[in-house]
Protein backbone atom coordinates (compact mmCIF):
# COMPACT_ATOMS: atom_id res chain seq x y z
CA MET A 1 17.19 11.42 -59.37
CA LYS A 2 13.88 9.62 -59.83
CA ALA A 3 15.65 6.17 -58.93
CA PHE A 4 16.71 8.10 -55.58
CA LEU A 5 13.35 9.44 -54.77
CA LYS A 6 11.85 6.06 -55.65
CA LYS A 7 14.31 4.44 -53.31
CA LEU A 8 13.72 6.98 -50.57
CA THR A 9 9.69 6.49 -51.11
CA PHE A 10 9.98 2.61 -50.17
CA LEU A 11 12.39 3.22 -47.33
CA ILE A 12 9.73 5.55 -45.88
CA ILE A 13 7.19 3.20 -46.48
CA PHE A 14 9.14 0.33 -45.14
CA ILE A 15 10.07 2.35 -41.71
CA ILE A 16 6.21 3.10 -41.41
CA ALA A 17 5.34 -0.40 -41.77
CA ILE A 18 8.07 -1.83 -39.26
CA GLY A 19 7.06 1.39 -36.66
CA ALA A 20 3.31 0.15 -36.69
CA GLY A 21 4.32 -3.22 -36.30
CA ILE A 22 6.23 -2.54 -33.02
CA CYS A 23 3.25 -0.14 -32.10
CA VAL A 24 0.75 -3.46 -32.62
CA TYR A 25 3.00 -5.26 -30.87
CA LEU A 26 3.47 -3.31 -28.02
CA LEU A 27 -0.36 -2.25 -27.51
CA GLN A 28 -1.08 -5.97 -27.55
CA ALA A 29 1.22 -6.57 -24.29
CA PRO A 30 -0.55 -8.55 -21.80
CA PRO A 31 -2.51 -6.79 -18.85
CA VAL A 32 -0.65 -6.36 -15.79
CA GLU A 33 -1.42 -9.07 -13.12
CA GLN A 34 -3.47 -8.04 -10.29
CA LYS A 35 -1.87 -7.66 -6.73
CA LYS A 36 -1.64 -10.36 -4.50
CA VAL A 37 -4.07 -11.16 -1.45
CA PRO A 38 -3.03 -9.27 1.57
CA LYS A 39 -1.41 -10.76 4.58
CA LEU A 40 -1.95 -9.86 7.88
CA GLN A 41 1.47 -10.01 10.13
CA ILE A 42 0.17 -11.41 13.63
CA HIS A 43 1.82 -9.63 16.63
CA THR A 44 0.99 -11.50 19.97
CA ARG A 45 -0.55 -14.94 20.22
CA THR A 46 -4.12 -14.30 18.76
CA ALA A 47 -7.16 -16.34 19.22
CA LEU A 48 -8.57 -17.46 15.60
CA ARG A 49 -11.95 -17.64 16.34
CA GLY A 50 -15.06 -19.24 14.37
CA ARG A 51 -17.23 -16.32 14.47
CA PRO A 52 -16.41 -12.61 15.01
CA THR A 53 -17.63 -12.17 18.60
CA VAL A 54 -16.46 -11.65 22.21
CA ASP A 55 -17.76 -14.66 23.52
CA SER A 56 -16.90 -17.21 20.85
CA LYS A 57 -14.42 -20.30 21.74
CA PRO A 58 -10.90 -20.06 20.13
CA ILE A 59 -10.34 -22.84 17.64
CA VAL A 60 -6.62 -22.61 17.34
CA TYR A 61 -3.72 -20.32 18.25
CA THR A 62 -1.35 -18.79 16.10
CA LYS A 63 2.11 -19.37 17.17
CA ASP A 64 5.37 -17.77 16.73
CA VAL A 65 8.20 -20.14 14.64
CA TYR A 66 11.37 -20.97 16.15
CA ARG A 67 14.10 -19.87 13.88
CA PHE A 68 17.74 -19.95 15.79
CA SER A 69 19.73 -18.35 18.96
CA LEU A 70 22.35 -15.99 19.57
CA ASP A 71 24.47 -15.08 21.96
CA LEU A 72 23.38 -12.29 24.56
CA GLN A 73 26.07 -10.03 23.23
CA TYR A 74 23.43 -8.87 20.67
CA VAL A 75 21.49 -6.86 23.52
CA SER A 76 23.59 -4.09 23.00
CA ASN A 77 22.39 -4.14 19.42
CA LEU A 78 18.54 -4.65 20.32
CA ASN A 79 18.84 -1.93 23.31
CA SER A 80 20.21 0.89 20.95
CA SER A 81 17.81 -0.40 17.74
CA LYS A 82 20.66 -0.61 15.40
CA LEU A 83 21.71 -3.87 13.96
CA GLU A 84 25.18 -2.82 12.04
CA ARG A 85 28.72 -2.70 13.64
CA GLU A 86 28.74 0.81 14.77
CA LEU A 87 31.60 2.86 16.36
CA LEU A 88 30.15 4.45 19.82
CA PHE A 89 33.49 6.06 20.86
CA THR A 90 37.49 6.35 21.12
CA ALA A 91 39.28 6.70 24.39
CA GLY A 92 43.17 7.24 24.67
CA LEU A 93 45.29 4.94 26.60
CA ALA A 94 47.74 7.72 27.64
CA HIS A 95 50.78 5.85 29.25
CA ARG A 96 48.96 2.16 28.75
CA ALA A 97 49.83 2.34 24.93
CA ARG A 98 52.96 1.21 26.18
CA LEU A 99 52.27 -1.62 27.80
CA LYS A 100 52.70 -4.92 26.54
CA ALA A 101 49.92 -7.15 25.51
CA GLU A 102 49.31 -9.11 28.66
CA ARG A 103 49.88 -6.31 30.82
CA LEU A 104 47.31 -4.36 28.79
CA ASP A 105 44.79 -7.06 28.84
CA ILE A 106 45.32 -6.66 33.06
CA SER A 107 44.90 -2.94 33.08
CA LEU A 108 41.63 -2.91 30.98
CA LYS A 109 40.06 -5.34 32.93
CA THR A 110 41.16 -3.99 36.72
CA GLU A 111 41.72 -0.45 36.22
CA THR A 112 39.07 0.95 33.91
CA ASN A 113 36.01 2.34 34.66
CA TRP A 114 34.03 1.46 31.83
CA GLN A 115 30.57 2.26 33.70
CA LYS A 116 32.11 6.10 33.88
CA MET A 117 33.70 6.16 30.38
CA PHE A 118 30.04 4.80 28.56
CA ALA A 119 28.31 7.83 30.76
CA ASP A 120 30.63 10.23 29.63
CA MET A 121 30.92 9.15 25.82
CA THR A 122 27.54 7.82 24.61
CA LYS A 123 23.96 9.65 24.99
CA ASP A 124 21.75 6.94 25.56
CA ILE A 125 23.94 3.70 26.42
CA ARG A 126 24.57 2.71 29.97
CA PHE A 127 26.86 -0.14 31.08
CA HIS A 128 26.32 -2.35 33.97
CA PRO A 129 29.44 -3.60 35.26
CA SER A 130 29.59 -7.54 35.80
CA ALA A 131 32.37 -9.14 37.98
CA SER A 132 34.60 -10.19 34.88
CA PRO A 133 33.64 -7.50 32.20
CA LEU A 134 36.42 -8.07 29.75
CA GLU A 135 37.11 -11.06 27.48
CA VAL A 136 39.96 -11.23 25.74
CA LEU A 137 39.83 -11.93 21.97
CA LEU A 138 43.45 -11.18 20.73
CA SER A 139 45.35 -10.20 23.58
CA GLY A 140 46.76 -6.45 23.46
CA GLU A 141 44.15 -5.89 20.66
CA GLU A 142 40.96 -6.69 20.71
CA TRP A 143 38.17 -7.72 23.63
CA LEU A 144 34.94 -8.03 24.37
CA LEU A 145 33.22 -6.51 26.93
CA ARG A 146 30.09 -7.70 28.74
CA ASP A 147 27.79 -6.34 31.32
CA THR A 148 25.26 -7.94 33.89
CA THR A 149 22.55 -7.92 30.96
CA GLY A 150 24.75 -9.90 28.57
CA ALA A 151 24.78 -7.07 26.35
CA ALA A 152 28.31 -6.83 25.08
CA TYR A 153 30.81 -4.50 23.18
CA THR A 154 33.83 -4.90 20.76
CA VAL A 155 36.88 -3.09 22.04
CA VAL A 156 39.76 -2.83 19.48
CA LYS A 157 42.95 -1.02 19.92
CA THR A 158 44.08 1.62 17.43
CA ASP A 159 47.47 3.36 17.70
CA ASN A 160 47.20 5.15 20.91
CA ASN A 161 43.26 4.62 21.56
CA VAL A 162 41.08 1.97 22.20
CA GLU A 163 37.75 1.99 19.89
CA VAL A 164 34.34 0.43 21.14
CA TYR A 165 32.07 -1.04 18.68
CA LEU A 166 28.51 -2.22 19.10
CA PRO A 167 28.42 -6.20 17.62
CA ASN A 168 27.25 -7.05 13.78
CA LEU A 169 23.76 -8.29 14.33
CA ARG A 170 22.92 -8.30 10.81
CA GLU A 171 25.84 -10.77 10.67
CA ALA A 172 24.63 -13.12 13.04
CA PHE A 173 21.12 -12.87 10.95
CA GLU A 174 22.78 -13.55 7.58
CA ALA A 175 24.76 -16.56 9.18
CA HIS A 176 21.53 -18.38 9.72
CA LYS A 177 20.45 -17.74 6.63
CA ILE A 178 17.85 -15.07 7.08
CA SER A 179 18.73 -11.61 5.26
CA LEU A 180 17.21 -8.53 6.57
CA SER A 181 15.97 -4.95 4.03
CA LYS A 182 17.43 -1.73 5.16
CA ASP A 183 13.92 -0.47 6.43
CA LEU A 184 13.77 -2.11 9.78
CA GLU A 185 12.32 -0.98 12.78
CA ILE A 186 13.31 -2.24 15.95
CA SER A 187 10.90 -1.92 19.56
CA THR A 188 11.37 -2.70 22.91
CA LYS A 189 8.14 -4.75 24.26
CA GLN A 190 9.93 -5.94 27.90
CA THR A 191 13.28 -4.38 28.76
CA ASN A 192 16.10 -6.32 28.24
CA ARG A 193 13.66 -9.31 28.16
CA GLN A 194 12.04 -8.73 24.41
CA TRP A 195 12.41 -7.11 21.36
CA LEU A 196 10.34 -6.81 18.11
CA ILE A 197 12.31 -6.05 14.48
CA LYS A 198 9.82 -5.19 12.10
CA ASP A 199 11.06 -5.79 8.07
CA ASN A 200 9.19 -3.31 5.94
CA GLY A 201 10.98 -4.20 3.22
CA TYR A 202 10.70 -8.17 3.46
CA LYS A 203 7.16 -7.72 5.09
CA GLN A 204 8.65 -9.97 7.85
CA ALA A 205 8.67 -9.57 11.63
CA TYR A 206 10.88 -11.41 14.38
CA ASN A 207 10.05 -11.67 17.96
CA VAL A 208 13.60 -11.80 20.09
CA VAL A 209 13.15 -13.43 23.42
CA LYS A 210 15.53 -13.62 26.31
CA GLY A 211 15.94 -17.19 27.41
CA GLU A 212 18.70 -18.57 29.43
CA GLY A 213 21.97 -17.36 28.59
CA LYS A 214 20.74 -16.94 24.94
CA LEU A 215 18.35 -14.91 22.79
CA ASN A 216 15.76 -16.72 20.91
CA VAL A 217 14.60 -15.27 17.66
CA PHE A 218 11.06 -16.27 16.27
CA GLN A 219 9.37 -15.33 13.19
CA GLN A 220 5.84 -14.32 13.29
CA SER A 221 3.46 -16.08 11.62
CA LYS A 222 1.64 -14.32 8.61
CA TYR A 223 -1.68 -15.28 7.08
CA GLU A 224 -3.63 -14.89 4.10
CA ILE A 225 -6.44 -12.31 4.44
CA LEU A 226 -9.65 -13.75 2.51
CA THR A 227 -11.13 -10.79 1.33
CA PHE A 228 -13.43 -12.26 -1.35
CA LEU A 229 -16.57 -13.56 0.36
CA PHE A 230 -19.08 -14.51 -2.07
CA GLU A 231 -20.63 -13.91 -4.88
CA ALA A 232 -24.52 -13.09 -5.54
CA ASP A 233 -27.03 -12.73 -8.30
CA VAL A 234 -27.20 -8.84 -9.80
CA ALA A 235 -30.76 -8.51 -9.10
CA SER A 236 -29.98 -7.46 -5.83
CA GLN A 237 -28.70 -4.17 -6.99
CA ARG A 238 -31.41 -1.77 -7.44
CA SER A 239 -32.13 -2.31 -3.59
CA LEU A 240 -28.13 -1.73 -3.19
CA ALA A 241 -28.94 1.68 -5.09
CA GLN A 242 -31.56 2.72 -2.59
CA GLY A 243 -29.67 2.27 0.32
CA LYS A 244 -31.18 -0.99 1.64
CA VAL A 245 -29.62 -4.57 1.67
CA PRO A 246 -31.61 -6.62 -0.10
CA SER A 247 -33.03 -9.77 1.74
CA LYS A 248 -31.46 -12.32 -1.04
CA LEU A 249 -28.07 -10.63 -0.13
CA MET A 250 -29.20 -10.85 3.69
CA GLN A 251 -29.96 -14.68 2.86
CA GLU A 252 -26.44 -15.18 1.15
CA PHE A 253 -24.66 -13.34 4.46
CA VAL A 254 -26.36 -16.21 6.53
CA ALA A 255 -25.45 -19.04 4.10
CA GLU A 256 -22.00 -17.96 4.38
CA LYS A 257 -22.27 -17.76 8.32
CA ILE A 258 -21.04 -14.36 8.16
CA PRO A 259 -22.37 -11.85 10.44
CA LEU A 260 -24.76 -9.11 9.14
CA SER A 261 -26.58 -7.07 11.38
CA ARG A 262 -30.01 -5.95 10.14
CA ARG A 263 -29.03 -1.99 11.16
CA ALA A 264 -26.36 -2.44 8.46
CA GLN A 265 -25.79 0.83 6.41
CA VAL A 266 -25.31 0.58 2.27
CA SER A 267 -23.38 3.75 0.91
CA ALA A 268 -23.07 4.08 -2.67
CA ASN A 269 -19.87 4.78 -4.40
CA GLU A 270 -19.59 7.61 -7.12
CA ASP A 271 -18.84 4.72 -10.21
CA GLY A 272 -22.38 3.66 -9.66
CA MET A 273 -21.11 -0.08 -9.49
CA SER A 274 -19.79 -0.53 -6.23
CA TRP A 275 -21.41 -0.08 -2.71
CA GLN A 276 -20.13 -0.44 0.92
CA ILE A 277 -22.22 -2.12 3.55
CA THR A 278 -21.22 -1.04 7.42
CA SER A 279 -22.49 -3.62 9.68
CA ARG A 280 -19.92 -2.98 12.95
CA PRO A 281 -17.15 -4.16 14.06
CA LEU A 282 -17.18 -5.25 9.95
CA LYS A 283 -17.41 -3.29 6.58
CA TYR A 284 -17.94 -5.30 3.29
CA ASN A 285 -17.32 -4.06 -0.50
CA ILE A 286 -19.99 -4.81 -3.19
CA ARG A 287 -19.05 -4.76 -6.49
CA ASN A 288 -20.61 -5.45 -9.75
CA GLU A 289 -18.37 -7.68 -12.10
CA ASN A 290 -19.42 -8.98 -15.00
CA ASN A 291 -22.77 -9.02 -14.07
CA ARG A 292 -22.37 -10.93 -10.93
CA LEU A 293 -22.58 -9.13 -7.31
CA LYS A 294 -18.92 -9.86 -5.63
CA VAL A 295 -18.92 -9.50 -1.98
CA TYR A 296 -15.16 -8.51 -0.23
CA LEU A 297 -14.23 -8.30 3.10
CA ASP A 298 -12.91 -4.67 3.77
CA LEU A 299 -9.39 -4.12 5.46
CA GLU A 300 -10.68 -1.30 7.36
CA SER A 301 -12.70 -3.66 9.36
CA ARG A 302 -12.07 -4.30 13.17
CA TRP A 303 -12.06 -8.16 12.65
CA LEU A 304 -10.63 -9.82 9.42
CA ARG A 305 -11.19 -13.35 7.85
CA ILE A 306 -7.95 -15.01 7.74
CA LYS A 307 -6.52 -18.64 6.42
CA ALA A 308 -3.92 -20.09 8.59
CA ASP A 309 -4.25 -23.54 6.82
CA ASP A 310 -6.51 -25.39 4.08
CA THR A 311 -8.54 -26.91 7.08
CA THR A 312 -8.60 -24.10 9.46
CA LYS A 313 -9.94 -20.58 8.83
CA GLY A 314 -11.69 -17.68 11.50
CA TRP A 315 -11.49 -14.23 12.30
CA VAL A 316 -8.93 -12.33 14.16
CA GLN A 317 -9.15 -8.64 15.38
CA SER A 318 -7.36 -6.22 12.84
CA GLU A 319 -5.64 -4.20 15.96
CA ARG A 320 -4.02 -7.01 17.01
CA GLY A 321 -1.44 -7.57 13.78
CA THR A 322 -0.42 -5.36 10.89
CA ILE A 323 -1.88 -5.64 7.44
CA PHE A 324 1.06 -5.87 4.94
CA GLU A 325 -0.68 -5.28 1.31
CA PRO A 326 1.34 -6.52 -1.39
CA PRO A 327 3.54 -4.27 -3.36
CA PRO A 328 2.14 -3.02 -6.90
CA PRO A 329 3.21 -5.49 -9.79
CA THR A 330 6.36 -4.97 -11.70
CA LEU A 331 5.57 -3.77 -15.09
CA SER A 332 7.88 -5.91 -18.02
CA SER A 333 9.55 -3.34 -20.79
CA ARG A 334 6.89 -4.06 -23.33
CA GLN A 335 4.13 -2.87 -20.47
CA GLN A 336 5.96 0.27 -19.82
CA ALA A 337 6.31 0.69 -23.52
CA LYS A 338 2.85 0.43 -23.86
CA GLU A 339 2.08 3.01 -21.18
CA GLN A 340 4.33 5.33 -23.03
CA LEU A 341 2.99 4.66 -26.17
CA LEU A 342 -0.52 5.20 -24.83
CA VAL A 343 0.23 8.56 -23.29
CA LEU A 344 1.96 9.59 -26.51
CA ILE A 345 -1.41 8.75 -28.81
CA ASP A 346 -3.24 10.63 -25.92
CA ARG A 347 -0.92 13.92 -26.18
CA LEU A 348 -1.12 13.65 -30.08
CA LYS A 349 -5.31 13.45 -30.13
CA GLU A 350 -5.40 16.56 -28.19
CA LYS A 351 -3.13 18.77 -30.20
CA THR A 352 -4.99 17.46 -33.49
CA GLU A 353 -8.45 18.64 -31.80
CA LEU A 354 -7.15 22.29 -30.36
CA PHE A 355 -5.92 22.23 -34.15
CA ASN A 356 -9.20 21.66 -35.49
CA GLU A 357 -10.56 24.06 -33.41
């Protein structure tokens, strides 16, 4: 019995030692990496200016990057705001179901009122017939129906019916090695001429423009926002706490060629270690980090300082684009276990305190 208890004691001590080692290992997990710098997605050709003033001359213009061209048939997807192949409606062939392949091709092309069929069968899609609307893909089985705008629909014979589908625009993008997420917004900028595909999942945007017999796809430029501006001596902190912009800090703004009005207002945050300076149309965040005051541009400013490349930096109006803030960092399994362990420790502390009371 004594031998058994001795072995059991050693086993318990061994388990406790292993558990303590695992806890130490988890608690020493590296901190979560900080978020990356936000990006600004430009939606139009926007002047990049040397200073955020209305009368400053542009030093460069942002440009959308050409990616590829597509057949006009995908106008039907863009007008419908749907990318996938989708069944629009089914129509009965009636007596034409018994026709041979070539005769059925002619009948669907010359004897079918597609304009009326779309008006009766669909809610929002309207078909504008062209001189030769039906192209035979597989005689008696599959056709391409095209209207005057170039928009096209796939028509498929199934038993005694024909099914009308939208083409697959997502598949066309993937054929050009561009993947699209499921979270998409498609908007019409100019009817039957220009569309914007905003990919919220992959933080991209594509401008689709109708050209001569084709659709040209451009990927919109995306630039890094320079949120960190400069750092200053911590001696200025006292004036900030009194709601004033210190003269030394004002000189730093001037040296960096960053506009700051003498009427700028200072507001303190609850932590007492950070402040916001509002100098319309700009806002700046001041933070005490390691006994240095670091100055950041606030993303709510009407102008944003961006970096187009290594040599070109300037300011753009934030209302002309969309700010994409990077997603929160992904925790490793070790970091997740550390968070859970810390929560467990806090709960044990609370229970111990309640027990002692």
